[in-house]
Amino acid sequence: MSGAVVKRCVTLAELAERLRTTDLVPSQRPLLERTDERLAELAVAGVASVADLRARLEYMSSVPAVATVSGVDEDYLVLLRRAVRGFYPRPRPLRAFDWIGPESMAALASVGITDSEQLRLATRSGPVALAERSGVAVATIAELAELTDLVRVQWVNPSLARALVAAGYPSASALAAADPTELALALAAANERRRFFDATIGERDLGRIVDAAGYAD
């Protein structure tokens, strides 16, 4: 299955709770209609977990077959597929962190590190071992370790991750504990100093990001 790996068996009941407690964008709010009933129908059809659901709905071409087997209508399944794929962002290629420089990227690639999830897993016990293996500076590896933890969160891209670190939120767990109002002020100040991105992120959208951070594995 492509995309980020679900590291524990997230149940359909947990998925239902996440849908109910997430501030869904307007296009996804139909997911709240008969949620428990529809997920129960999927369970009867053999979908035992979110990992199973992602596998069954990996391709759009799979949707009609799942609809036929489960009785859940195709429009709902398309929305559900989109929401669940968003909950688990794909690993980012390290080239997306382009400010690190091509030499460091090449050195990391030489030891098999080419995406954000590979680097995050390689630095769980700290940056030193990977720095020694790759020859990349410890400070660079430590910076990437923070950024690759943050890009696991829905809606957080590498540029936003840099801004979050500069604003004082260097990890998914720190982001999950943030107050959206305080986060908005800190992020705006950090972006004003260093211009990580041009857009303004509103407090409501930041609240969604904070909520999503609470689900990062």
N, C-alpha and C. Protein backbone atom coordinates (compact mmCIF):
# COMPACT_ATOMS: atom_id res chain seq x y z
N MET A 1 0.85 -1.20 0.00
CA MET A 1 0.00 0.00 0.00
C MET A 1 0.88 1.24 0.00
N SER A 2 0.59 2.20 -0.83
CA SER A 2 1.39 3.40 -0.90
C SER A 2 1.01 4.36 0.21
N GLY A 3 1.90 5.38 0.41
CA GLY A 3 1.60 6.38 1.42
C GLY A 3 2.22 6.05 2.75
N ALA A 4 1.98 6.92 3.75
CA ALA A 4 2.53 6.72 5.07
C ALA A 4 1.95 5.48 5.71
N VAL A 5 2.73 4.80 6.51
CA VAL A 5 2.30 3.57 7.14
C VAL A 5 1.51 3.88 8.41
N VAL A 6 0.38 3.21 8.57
CA VAL A 6 -0.38 3.31 9.82
C VAL A 6 0.29 2.37 10.81
N LYS A 7 0.79 2.89 11.92
CA LYS A 7 1.66 2.10 12.78
C LYS A 7 0.92 1.32 13.85
N ARG A 8 -0.38 1.49 13.97
CA ARG A 8 -1.15 0.64 14.87
C ARG A 8 -2.49 0.40 14.21
N CYS A 9 -3.24 -0.52 14.74
CA CYS A 9 -4.53 -0.87 14.13
C CYS A 9 -5.58 0.14 14.57
N VAL A 10 -5.75 1.16 13.77
CA VAL A 10 -6.77 2.17 14.05
C VAL A 10 -8.11 1.61 13.63
N THR A 11 -9.05 1.58 14.54
CA THR A 11 -10.35 0.94 14.27
C THR A 11 -11.29 1.89 13.53
N LEU A 12 -12.34 1.31 12.97
CA LEU A 12 -13.36 2.13 12.33
C LEU A 12 -14.10 2.99 13.34
N ALA A 13 -14.22 2.51 14.57
CA ALA A 13 -14.85 3.33 15.61
C ALA A 13 -14.01 4.57 15.90
N GLU A 14 -12.69 4.40 15.92
CA GLU A 14 -11.80 5.56 16.12
C GLU A 14 -11.88 6.51 14.94
N LEU A 15 -12.02 5.96 13.75
CA LEU A 15 -12.18 6.81 12.58
C LEU A 15 -13.47 7.62 12.69
N ALA A 16 -14.55 6.98 13.13
CA ALA A 16 -15.82 7.70 13.29
C ALA A 16 -15.67 8.84 14.29
N GLU A 17 -14.97 8.58 15.38
CA GLU A 17 -14.77 9.62 16.39
C GLU A 17 -13.94 10.76 15.83
N ARG A 18 -12.93 10.43 15.04
CA ARG A 18 -12.12 11.50 14.46
C ARG A 18 -12.94 12.35 13.50
N LEU A 19 -13.77 11.72 12.70
CA LEU A 19 -14.61 12.48 11.78
C LEU A 19 -15.55 13.40 12.55
N ARG A 20 -16.09 12.91 13.67
CA ARG A 20 -17.04 13.73 14.44
C ARG A 20 -16.35 14.89 15.14
N THR A 21 -15.10 14.71 15.57
CA THR A 21 -14.43 15.73 16.37
C THR A 21 -13.53 16.64 15.56
N THR A 22 -13.33 16.33 14.27
CA THR A 22 -12.52 17.17 13.40
C THR A 22 -13.38 18.29 12.81
N ASP A 23 -12.82 19.48 12.75
CA ASP A 23 -13.51 20.59 12.09
C ASP A 23 -13.36 20.40 10.58
N LEU A 24 -14.23 19.58 10.02
CA LEU A 24 -14.13 19.22 8.61
C LEU A 24 -14.38 20.43 7.71
N VAL A 25 -13.68 20.45 6.59
CA VAL A 25 -13.98 21.49 5.60
C VAL A 25 -15.38 21.22 5.05
N PRO A 26 -16.07 22.24 4.52
CA PRO A 26 -17.47 22.06 4.10
C PRO A 26 -17.70 20.90 3.14
N SER A 27 -16.78 20.67 2.22
CA SER A 27 -16.99 19.61 1.23
C SER A 27 -16.99 18.22 1.85
N GLN A 28 -16.44 18.09 3.06
CA GLN A 28 -16.36 16.78 3.72
C GLN A 28 -17.44 16.57 4.78
N ARG A 29 -18.27 17.56 5.02
CA ARG A 29 -19.27 17.42 6.09
C ARG A 29 -20.33 16.36 5.82
N PRO A 30 -20.61 15.99 4.56
CA PRO A 30 -21.52 14.86 4.35
C PRO A 30 -21.02 13.56 4.99
N LEU A 31 -19.75 13.48 5.34
CA LEU A 31 -19.23 12.30 6.02
C LEU A 31 -19.86 12.10 7.40
N LEU A 32 -20.48 13.13 7.93
CA LEU A 32 -21.10 13.04 9.25
C LEU A 32 -22.53 12.50 9.18
N GLU A 33 -22.99 12.21 7.98
CA GLU A 33 -24.35 11.69 7.81
C GLU A 33 -24.32 10.16 7.91
N ARG A 34 -25.00 9.62 8.89
CA ARG A 34 -25.09 8.17 9.10
C ARG A 34 -23.72 7.51 9.16
N THR A 35 -22.77 8.19 9.83
CA THR A 35 -21.39 7.71 9.87
C THR A 35 -21.29 6.31 10.46
N ASP A 36 -21.85 6.12 11.66
CA ASP A 36 -21.73 4.82 12.33
C ASP A 36 -22.38 3.71 11.50
N GLU A 37 -23.52 4.00 10.91
CA GLU A 37 -24.22 3.00 10.10
C GLU A 37 -23.38 2.59 8.89
N ARG A 38 -22.82 3.57 8.23
CA ARG A 38 -22.05 3.28 7.02
C ARG A 38 -20.75 2.55 7.36
N LEU A 39 -20.09 2.94 8.43
CA LEU A 39 -18.86 2.23 8.81
C LEU A 39 -19.18 0.82 9.28
N ALA A 40 -20.33 0.64 9.91
CA ALA A 40 -20.75 -0.71 10.30
C ALA A 40 -20.98 -1.58 9.07
N GLU A 41 -21.54 -1.00 8.02
CA GLU A 41 -21.74 -1.74 6.77
C GLU A 41 -20.40 -2.15 6.15
N LEU A 42 -19.42 -1.26 6.24
CA LEU A 42 -18.08 -1.60 5.75
C LEU A 42 -17.47 -2.73 6.57
N ALA A 43 -17.69 -2.68 7.88
CA ALA A 43 -17.16 -3.74 8.75
C ALA A 43 -17.77 -5.10 8.39
N VAL A 44 -19.07 -5.13 8.15
CA VAL A 44 -19.74 -6.37 7.76
C VAL A 44 -19.16 -6.89 6.44
N ALA A 45 -18.73 -5.96 5.58
CA ALA A 45 -18.15 -6.34 4.28
C ALA A 45 -16.69 -6.76 4.39
N GLY A 46 -16.16 -6.80 5.63
CA GLY A 46 -14.81 -7.30 5.83
C GLY A 46 -13.74 -6.26 6.04
N VAL A 47 -14.14 -4.99 6.16
CA VAL A 47 -13.16 -3.93 6.44
C VAL A 47 -12.98 -3.85 7.95
N ALA A 48 -11.83 -4.31 8.45
CA ALA A 48 -11.64 -4.46 9.89
C ALA A 48 -10.96 -3.28 10.55
N SER A 49 -10.34 -2.40 9.79
CA SER A 49 -9.57 -1.31 10.37
C SER A 49 -9.39 -0.22 9.34
N VAL A 50 -8.80 0.90 9.77
CA VAL A 50 -8.51 1.97 8.83
C VAL A 50 -7.46 1.52 7.82
N ALA A 51 -6.51 0.71 8.24
CA ALA A 51 -5.52 0.18 7.30
C ALA A 51 -6.19 -0.64 6.21
N ASP A 52 -7.18 -1.47 6.59
CA ASP A 52 -7.94 -2.23 5.60
C ASP A 52 -8.69 -1.30 4.65
N LEU A 53 -9.30 -0.27 5.23
CA LEU A 53 -10.06 0.67 4.42
C LEU A 53 -9.17 1.36 3.40
N ARG A 54 -7.99 1.78 3.84
CA ARG A 54 -7.06 2.44 2.93
C ARG A 54 -6.62 1.50 1.82
N ALA A 55 -6.41 0.24 2.17
CA ALA A 55 -6.00 -0.74 1.16
C ALA A 55 -7.11 -0.98 0.15
N ARG A 56 -8.35 -1.11 0.65
CA ARG A 56 -9.49 -1.39 -0.23
C ARG A 56 -9.81 -0.20 -1.14
N LEU A 57 -9.53 1.01 -0.65
CA LEU A 57 -9.85 2.22 -1.41
C LEU A 57 -8.60 2.93 -1.93
N GLU A 58 -7.53 2.15 -2.11
CA GLU A 58 -6.29 2.80 -2.55
C GLU A 58 -6.46 3.48 -3.90
N TYR A 59 -7.21 2.85 -4.78
CA TYR A 59 -7.41 3.40 -6.12
C TYR A 59 -8.88 3.78 -6.31
N MET A 60 -9.11 4.88 -7.04
CA MET A 60 -10.49 5.29 -7.31
C MET A 60 -11.26 4.19 -8.03
N SER A 61 -10.56 3.41 -8.83
CA SER A 61 -11.23 2.34 -9.58
C SER A 61 -11.79 1.26 -8.67
N SER A 62 -11.34 1.23 -7.40
CA SER A 62 -11.83 0.23 -6.45
C SER A 62 -13.16 0.62 -5.81
N VAL A 63 -13.52 1.89 -5.91
CA VAL A 63 -14.70 2.38 -5.20
C VAL A 63 -15.98 1.65 -5.58
N PRO A 64 -16.28 1.45 -6.87
CA PRO A 64 -17.55 0.76 -7.21
C PRO A 64 -17.65 -0.64 -6.62
N ALA A 65 -16.55 -1.38 -6.60
CA ALA A 65 -16.58 -2.74 -6.04
C ALA A 65 -16.86 -2.71 -4.55
N VAL A 66 -16.23 -1.78 -3.83
CA VAL A 66 -16.46 -1.67 -2.39
C VAL A 66 -17.91 -1.25 -2.13
N ALA A 67 -18.43 -0.37 -2.95
CA ALA A 67 -19.82 0.06 -2.81
C ALA A 67 -20.77 -1.11 -3.02
N THR A 68 -20.49 -1.93 -4.00
CA THR A 68 -21.36 -3.07 -4.28
C THR A 68 -21.36 -4.07 -3.14
N VAL A 69 -20.17 -4.36 -2.59
CA VAL A 69 -20.04 -5.37 -1.54
C VAL A 69 -20.64 -4.87 -0.23
N SER A 70 -20.43 -3.58 0.07
CA SER A 70 -20.83 -3.05 1.39
C SER A 70 -22.22 -2.44 1.41
N GLY A 71 -22.69 -1.96 0.27
CA GLY A 71 -23.95 -1.22 0.24
C GLY A 71 -23.80 0.25 0.55
N VAL A 72 -22.57 0.71 0.80
CA VAL A 72 -22.32 2.13 1.05
C VAL A 72 -22.23 2.83 -0.31
N ASP A 73 -22.92 3.96 -0.48
CA ASP A 73 -22.96 4.58 -1.79
C ASP A 73 -21.60 5.13 -2.20
N GLU A 74 -21.38 5.18 -3.50
CA GLU A 74 -20.08 5.55 -4.04
C GLU A 74 -19.67 6.97 -3.67
N ASP A 75 -20.61 7.91 -3.68
CA ASP A 75 -20.26 9.30 -3.36
C ASP A 75 -19.68 9.39 -1.95
N TYR A 76 -20.29 8.65 -1.02
CA TYR A 76 -19.79 8.67 0.36
C TYR A 76 -18.39 8.06 0.41
N LEU A 77 -18.18 6.97 -0.29
CA LEU A 77 -16.88 6.31 -0.28
C LEU A 77 -15.79 7.19 -0.89
N VAL A 78 -16.14 7.94 -1.91
CA VAL A 78 -15.15 8.86 -2.50
C VAL A 78 -14.73 9.92 -1.49
N LEU A 79 -15.71 10.48 -0.77
CA LEU A 79 -15.39 11.47 0.27
C LEU A 79 -14.57 10.84 1.39
N LEU A 80 -14.95 9.63 1.80
CA LEU A 80 -14.25 8.95 2.88
C LEU A 80 -12.81 8.65 2.47
N ARG A 81 -12.64 8.19 1.26
CA ARG A 81 -11.29 7.92 0.74
C ARG A 81 -10.43 9.17 0.80
N ARG A 82 -10.99 10.28 0.35
CA ARG A 82 -10.24 11.53 0.34
C ARG A 82 -9.87 11.97 1.75
N ALA A 83 -10.82 11.85 2.68
CA ALA A 83 -10.55 12.27 4.05
C ALA A 83 -9.48 11.40 4.70
N VAL A 84 -9.59 10.09 4.53
CA VAL A 84 -8.63 9.20 5.18
C VAL A 84 -7.24 9.36 4.57
N ARG A 85 -7.16 9.53 3.26
CA ARG A 85 -5.86 9.77 2.64
C ARG A 85 -5.24 11.05 3.19
N GLY A 86 -6.07 12.06 3.45
CA GLY A 86 -5.56 13.29 4.02
C GLY A 86 -5.09 13.13 5.45
N PHE A 87 -5.74 12.24 6.22
CA PHE A 87 -5.35 12.02 7.60
C PHE A 87 -3.94 11.45 7.70
N TYR A 88 -3.49 10.73 6.68
CA TYR A 88 -2.19 10.07 6.69
C TYR A 88 -1.36 10.57 5.51
N PRO A 89 -0.73 11.74 5.62
CA PRO A 89 0.02 12.29 4.49
C PRO A 89 1.14 11.35 4.04
N ARG A 90 1.40 11.38 2.75
CA ARG A 90 2.52 10.60 2.22
C ARG A 90 3.84 11.18 2.71
N PRO A 91 4.86 10.34 2.84
CA PRO A 91 6.20 10.87 3.15
C PRO A 91 6.64 11.87 2.09
N ARG A 92 7.34 12.89 2.52
CA ARG A 92 7.84 13.91 1.59
C ARG A 92 9.23 13.52 1.09
N PRO A 93 9.49 13.67 -0.20
CA PRO A 93 10.86 13.44 -0.67
C PRO A 93 11.79 14.48 -0.05
N LEU A 94 13.00 14.07 0.28
CA LEU A 94 13.91 15.01 0.93
C LEU A 94 14.23 16.20 0.03
N ARG A 95 14.09 16.03 -1.28
CA ARG A 95 14.34 17.18 -2.15
C ARG A 95 13.36 18.32 -1.90
N ALA A 96 12.23 18.03 -1.23
CA ALA A 96 11.29 19.09 -0.88
C ALA A 96 11.85 20.02 0.20
N PHE A 97 12.87 19.54 0.92
CA PHE A 97 13.55 20.36 1.93
C PHE A 97 14.77 20.98 1.25
N ASP A 98 14.57 21.72 0.17
CA ASP A 98 15.65 22.07 -0.74
C ASP A 98 16.67 23.04 -0.17
N TRP A 99 16.33 23.71 0.93
CA TRP A 99 17.29 24.63 1.54
C TRP A 99 18.44 23.89 2.22
N ILE A 100 18.31 22.58 2.41
CA ILE A 100 19.38 21.81 3.05
C ILE A 100 20.60 21.72 2.15
N GLY A 101 20.40 21.71 0.85
CA GLY A 101 21.51 21.69 -0.09
C GLY A 101 21.72 20.34 -0.75
N PRO A 102 22.15 20.34 -2.00
CA PRO A 102 22.29 19.09 -2.76
C PRO A 102 23.35 18.15 -2.20
N GLU A 103 24.40 18.68 -1.62
CA GLU A 103 25.44 17.80 -1.08
C GLU A 103 24.90 16.95 0.07
N SER A 104 24.18 17.59 0.97
CA SER A 104 23.59 16.85 2.09
C SER A 104 22.55 15.84 1.59
N MET A 105 21.74 16.24 0.60
CA MET A 105 20.75 15.33 0.05
C MET A 105 21.41 14.09 -0.55
N ALA A 106 22.50 14.33 -1.30
CA ALA A 106 23.21 13.21 -1.92
C ALA A 106 23.84 12.31 -0.87
N ALA A 107 24.38 12.90 0.18
CA ALA A 107 25.01 12.10 1.24
C ALA A 107 23.97 11.24 1.95
N LEU A 108 22.80 11.80 2.20
CA LEU A 108 21.73 11.02 2.84
C LEU A 108 21.23 9.92 1.91
N ALA A 109 21.09 10.24 0.63
CA ALA A 109 20.66 9.23 -0.33
C ALA A 109 21.64 8.07 -0.40
N SER A 110 22.93 8.36 -0.20
CA SER A 110 23.95 7.31 -0.28
C SER A 110 23.81 6.29 0.84
N VAL A 111 23.12 6.65 1.93
CA VAL A 111 22.88 5.69 3.01
C VAL A 111 21.41 5.28 3.07
N GLY A 112 20.70 5.51 1.97
CA GLY A 112 19.34 5.01 1.84
C GLY A 112 18.25 5.90 2.39
N ILE A 113 18.55 7.18 2.66
CA ILE A 113 17.55 8.09 3.21
C ILE A 113 17.13 9.06 2.11
N THR A 114 15.92 8.87 1.59
CA THR A 114 15.46 9.72 0.49
C THR A 114 14.12 10.39 0.77
N ASP A 115 13.46 10.05 1.88
CA ASP A 115 12.20 10.71 2.18
C ASP A 115 12.08 11.01 3.67
N SER A 116 11.05 11.76 4.01
CA SER A 116 10.90 12.27 5.37
C SER A 116 10.69 11.16 6.38
N GLU A 117 9.95 10.12 6.02
CA GLU A 117 9.68 9.06 6.99
C GLU A 117 10.92 8.22 7.24
N GLN A 118 11.71 7.98 6.23
CA GLN A 118 12.97 7.26 6.43
C GLN A 118 13.88 8.03 7.38
N LEU A 119 13.95 9.35 7.19
CA LEU A 119 14.81 10.13 8.08
C LEU A 119 14.26 10.18 9.49
N ARG A 120 12.95 10.33 9.61
CA ARG A 120 12.36 10.38 10.96
C ARG A 120 12.65 9.09 11.72
N LEU A 121 12.48 7.96 11.07
CA LEU A 121 12.72 6.68 11.73
C LEU A 121 14.20 6.50 12.06
N ALA A 122 15.07 7.03 11.19
CA ALA A 122 16.52 6.88 11.41
C ALA A 122 17.03 7.77 12.54
N THR A 123 16.24 8.75 12.96
CA THR A 123 16.70 9.68 13.99
C THR A 123 15.88 9.59 15.27
N ARG A 124 15.14 8.49 15.45
CA ARG A 124 14.32 8.37 16.66
C ARG A 124 15.15 8.37 17.93
N SER A 125 16.37 7.89 17.86
CA SER A 125 17.24 7.89 19.04
C SER A 125 18.22 9.06 19.03
N GLY A 126 17.99 10.02 18.14
CA GLY A 126 18.85 11.19 18.08
C GLY A 126 19.54 11.31 16.73
N PRO A 127 20.14 12.47 16.45
CA PRO A 127 20.71 12.73 15.13
C PRO A 127 22.13 12.22 14.93
N VAL A 128 22.82 11.87 16.00
CA VAL A 128 24.27 11.63 15.90
C VAL A 128 24.59 10.42 15.03
N ALA A 129 23.89 9.32 15.23
CA ALA A 129 24.22 8.10 14.48
C ALA A 129 24.07 8.31 12.98
N LEU A 130 22.99 8.97 12.56
CA LEU A 130 22.80 9.21 11.13
C LEU A 130 23.83 10.20 10.61
N ALA A 131 24.17 11.19 11.41
CA ALA A 131 25.21 12.14 11.00
C ALA A 131 26.54 11.41 10.76
N GLU A 132 26.88 10.47 11.64
CA GLU A 132 28.12 9.72 11.48
C GLU A 132 28.07 8.83 10.25
N ARG A 133 26.93 8.19 10.00
CA ARG A 133 26.78 7.31 8.84
C ARG A 133 26.87 8.07 7.53
N SER A 134 26.27 9.24 7.49
CA SER A 134 26.13 9.97 6.24
C SER A 134 27.20 11.02 6.00
N GLY A 135 27.83 11.49 7.08
CA GLY A 135 28.78 12.59 6.96
C GLY A 135 28.12 13.95 6.93
N VAL A 136 26.80 14.00 7.10
CA VAL A 136 26.08 15.27 7.16
C VAL A 136 26.17 15.83 8.57
N ALA A 137 26.28 17.15 8.70
CA ALA A 137 26.44 17.78 10.00
C ALA A 137 25.31 17.41 10.95
N VAL A 138 25.65 17.24 12.23
CA VAL A 138 24.66 16.88 13.23
C VAL A 138 23.55 17.93 13.28
N ALA A 139 23.91 19.20 13.16
CA ALA A 139 22.90 20.26 13.22
C ALA A 139 21.90 20.15 12.07
N THR A 140 22.38 19.78 10.90
CA THR A 140 21.48 19.61 9.75
C THR A 140 20.54 18.44 9.96
N ILE A 141 21.09 17.33 10.47
CA ILE A 141 20.25 16.16 10.74
C ILE A 141 19.23 16.48 11.82
N ALA A 142 19.65 17.20 12.86
CA ALA A 142 18.72 17.56 13.93
C ALA A 142 17.59 18.44 13.41
N GLU A 143 17.92 19.38 12.52
CA GLU A 143 16.89 20.23 11.92
C GLU A 143 15.91 19.39 11.11
N LEU A 144 16.43 18.48 10.30
CA LEU A 144 15.57 17.63 9.49
C LEU A 144 14.72 16.71 10.35
N ALA A 145 15.25 16.26 11.47
CA ALA A 145 14.48 15.39 12.36
C ALA A 145 13.24 16.11 12.87
N GLU A 146 13.38 17.37 13.24
CA GLU A 146 12.21 18.15 13.69
C GLU A 146 11.21 18.34 12.55
N LEU A 147 11.72 18.68 11.39
CA LEU A 147 10.83 18.95 10.26
C LEU A 147 10.10 17.69 9.80
N THR A 148 10.82 16.57 9.78
CA THR A 148 10.18 15.34 9.31
C THR A 148 9.17 14.81 10.31
N ASP A 149 9.31 15.17 11.57
CA ASP A 149 8.26 14.83 12.53
C ASP A 149 7.01 15.65 12.26
N LEU A 150 7.18 16.91 11.95
CA LEU A 150 6.03 17.80 11.74
C LEU A 150 5.29 17.52 10.44
N VAL A 151 5.98 17.12 9.38
CA VAL A 151 5.27 16.92 8.11
C VAL A 151 4.42 15.65 8.11
N ARG A 152 4.44 14.89 9.20
CA ARG A 152 3.48 13.78 9.35
C ARG A 152 2.08 14.29 9.60
N VAL A 153 1.98 15.56 9.99
CA VAL A 153 0.69 16.14 10.36
C VAL A 153 -0.03 16.62 9.10
N GLN A 154 -1.30 16.31 9.01
CA GLN A 154 -2.11 16.76 7.88
C GLN A 154 -1.98 18.27 7.70
N TRP A 155 -1.80 18.69 6.44
CA TRP A 155 -1.70 20.08 6.01
C TRP A 155 -0.34 20.73 6.29
N VAL A 156 0.59 20.03 6.94
CA VAL A 156 1.89 20.65 7.23
C VAL A 156 2.88 20.25 6.14
N ASN A 157 3.28 21.22 5.33
CA ASN A 157 4.30 20.98 4.31
C ASN A 157 5.67 21.43 4.84
N PRO A 158 6.76 21.19 4.11
CA PRO A 158 8.07 21.56 4.64
C PRO A 158 8.23 23.02 5.01
N SER A 159 7.67 23.93 4.21
CA SER A 159 7.80 25.36 4.53
C SER A 159 7.06 25.70 5.82
N LEU A 160 5.85 25.18 5.97
CA LEU A 160 5.12 25.43 7.21
C LEU A 160 5.83 24.79 8.39
N ALA A 161 6.41 23.62 8.18
CA ALA A 161 7.16 22.97 9.27
C ALA A 161 8.31 23.86 9.74
N ARG A 162 9.03 24.46 8.81
CA ARG A 162 10.12 25.38 9.19
C ARG A 162 9.59 26.55 10.02
N ALA A 163 8.47 27.09 9.59
CA ALA A 163 7.88 28.22 10.32
C ALA A 163 7.43 27.80 11.71
N LEU A 164 6.87 26.59 11.82
CA LEU A 164 6.43 26.11 13.14
C LEU A 164 7.61 25.94 14.08
N VAL A 165 8.71 25.40 13.58
CA VAL A 165 9.90 25.26 14.43
C VAL A 165 10.37 26.64 14.88
N ALA A 166 10.44 27.58 13.95
CA ALA A 166 10.87 28.94 14.30
C ALA A 166 9.92 29.60 15.28
N ALA A 167 8.64 29.20 15.25
CA ALA A 167 7.64 29.76 16.17
C ALA A 167 7.65 29.09 17.53
N GLY A 168 8.47 28.04 17.69
CA GLY A 168 8.57 27.38 18.99
C GLY A 168 7.79 26.09 19.11
N TYR A 169 7.43 25.48 17.96
CA TYR A 169 6.67 24.22 17.95
C TYR A 169 7.47 23.19 17.14
N PRO A 170 8.48 22.57 17.75
CA PRO A 170 9.43 21.75 16.99
C PRO A 170 9.04 20.30 16.80
N SER A 171 7.83 19.91 17.16
CA SER A 171 7.43 18.51 17.03
C SER A 171 5.92 18.42 16.89
N ALA A 172 5.46 17.27 16.43
CA ALA A 172 4.02 17.04 16.33
C ALA A 172 3.36 17.10 17.70
N SER A 173 4.03 16.58 18.72
CA SER A 173 3.45 16.60 20.06
C SER A 173 3.33 18.02 20.60
N ALA A 174 4.34 18.86 20.33
CA ALA A 174 4.25 20.27 20.75
C ALA A 174 3.13 20.98 20.01
N LEU A 175 2.97 20.67 18.75
CA LEU A 175 1.90 21.28 17.97
C LEU A 175 0.53 20.83 18.47
N ALA A 176 0.41 19.56 18.83
CA ALA A 176 -0.87 19.04 19.33
C ALA A 176 -1.30 19.72 20.63
N ALA A 177 -0.33 20.21 21.40
CA ALA A 177 -0.62 20.86 22.68
C ALA A 177 -0.81 22.37 22.54
N ALA A 178 -0.72 22.89 21.33
CA ALA A 178 -0.75 24.33 21.13
C ALA A 178 -2.15 24.90 21.30
N ASP A 179 -2.20 26.14 21.75
CA ASP A 179 -3.43 26.93 21.72
C ASP A 179 -3.48 27.64 20.37
N PRO A 180 -4.54 27.45 19.59
CA PRO A 180 -4.56 28.02 18.24
C PRO A 180 -4.34 29.53 18.19
N THR A 181 -4.86 30.25 19.18
CA THR A 181 -4.68 31.71 19.19
C THR A 181 -3.21 32.06 19.39
N GLU A 182 -2.58 31.41 20.38
CA GLU A 182 -1.16 31.66 20.62
C GLU A 182 -0.32 31.21 19.44
N LEU A 183 -0.69 30.08 18.85
CA LEU A 183 0.04 29.57 17.69
C LEU A 183 -0.04 30.58 16.54
N ALA A 184 -1.21 31.14 16.30
CA ALA A 184 -1.38 32.10 15.20
C ALA A 184 -0.46 33.29 15.39
N LEU A 185 -0.37 33.79 16.61
CA LEU A 185 0.48 34.95 16.87
C LEU A 185 1.96 34.60 16.69
N ALA A 186 2.37 33.46 17.23
CA ALA A 186 3.77 33.05 17.15
C ALA A 186 4.17 32.75 15.70
N LEU A 187 3.27 32.11 14.96
CA LEU A 187 3.57 31.77 13.58
C LEU A 187 3.67 33.02 12.71
N ALA A 188 2.75 33.96 12.91
CA ALA A 188 2.80 35.21 12.15
C ALA A 188 4.09 35.96 12.42
N ALA A 189 4.51 35.98 13.68
CA ALA A 189 5.75 36.68 14.03
C ALA A 189 6.96 36.00 13.39
N ALA A 190 6.99 34.66 13.43
CA ALA A 190 8.11 33.92 12.84
C ALA A 190 8.15 34.14 11.33
N ASN A 191 6.99 34.14 10.71
CA ASN A 191 6.95 34.32 9.26
C ASN A 191 7.30 35.75 8.86
N GLU A 192 6.95 36.69 9.70
CA GLU A 192 7.31 38.09 9.44
C GLU A 192 8.82 38.26 9.47
N ARG A 193 9.48 37.55 10.39
CA ARG A 193 10.94 37.67 10.51
C ARG A 193 11.66 37.03 9.33
N ARG A 194 11.17 35.86 8.88
CA ARG A 194 11.97 35.08 7.93
C ARG A 194 11.27 34.73 6.62
N ARG A 195 10.01 35.07 6.45
CA ARG A 195 9.28 34.88 5.21
C ARG A 195 9.39 33.44 4.68
N PHE A 196 8.85 32.51 5.45
CA PHE A 196 8.83 31.12 5.03
C PHE A 196 7.80 30.89 3.92
N PHE A 197 6.71 31.65 3.95
CA PHE A 197 5.66 31.52 2.94
C PHE A 197 4.90 32.83 2.86
N ASP A 198 4.16 33.01 1.76
CA ASP A 198 3.47 34.28 1.52
C ASP A 198 2.05 34.32 2.08
N ALA A 199 1.41 33.16 2.17
CA ALA A 199 0.01 33.13 2.58
C ALA A 199 -0.14 33.41 4.08
N THR A 200 -1.36 33.81 4.46
CA THR A 200 -1.71 33.95 5.86
C THR A 200 -2.60 32.78 6.25
N ILE A 201 -2.26 32.10 7.34
CA ILE A 201 -3.04 30.96 7.80
C ILE A 201 -3.92 31.42 8.96
N GLY A 202 -5.21 31.30 8.78
CA GLY A 202 -6.15 31.78 9.78
C GLY A 202 -6.19 30.89 11.01
N GLU A 203 -6.73 31.45 12.08
CA GLU A 203 -6.78 30.73 13.35
C GLU A 203 -7.63 29.46 13.25
N ARG A 204 -8.71 29.51 12.49
CA ARG A 204 -9.53 28.31 12.37
C ARG A 204 -8.77 27.18 11.68
N ASP A 205 -8.04 27.52 10.61
CA ASP A 205 -7.25 26.50 9.93
C ASP A 205 -6.14 25.99 10.84
N LEU A 206 -5.55 26.86 11.63
CA LEU A 206 -4.53 26.40 12.57
C LEU A 206 -5.14 25.49 13.62
N GLY A 207 -6.38 25.76 14.01
CA GLY A 207 -7.06 24.85 14.94
C GLY A 207 -7.21 23.47 14.35
N ARG A 208 -7.51 23.40 13.05
CA ARG A 208 -7.61 22.10 12.38
C ARG A 208 -6.26 21.39 12.40
N ILE A 209 -5.19 22.15 12.18
CA ILE A 209 -3.85 21.56 12.17
C ILE A 209 -3.48 21.05 13.56
N VAL A 210 -3.81 21.82 14.58
CA VAL A 210 -3.55 21.39 15.96
C VAL A 210 -4.28 20.08 16.25
N ASP A 211 -5.55 20.03 15.86
CA ASP A 211 -6.31 18.79 16.06
C ASP A 211 -5.67 17.61 15.32
N ALA A 212 -5.26 17.85 14.07
CA ALA A 212 -4.65 16.79 13.27
C ALA A 212 -3.35 16.30 13.90
N ALA A 213 -2.61 17.21 14.52
CA ALA A 213 -1.33 16.83 15.15
C ALA A 213 -1.54 15.81 16.26
N GLY A 214 -2.71 15.86 16.89
CA GLY A 214 -3.00 14.92 17.96
C GLY A 214 -3.13 13.49 17.48
N TYR A 215 -3.28 13.30 16.15
CA TYR A 215 -3.42 11.95 15.60
C TYR A 215 -2.14 11.43 14.98
N ALA A 216 -1.07 12.22 15.00
CA ALA A 216 0.19 11.76 14.42
C ALA A 216 0.71 10.58 15.24
N ASP A 217 1.11 9.52 14.55
CA ASP A 217 1.55 8.31 15.25
C ASP A 217 2.85 8.55 16.00
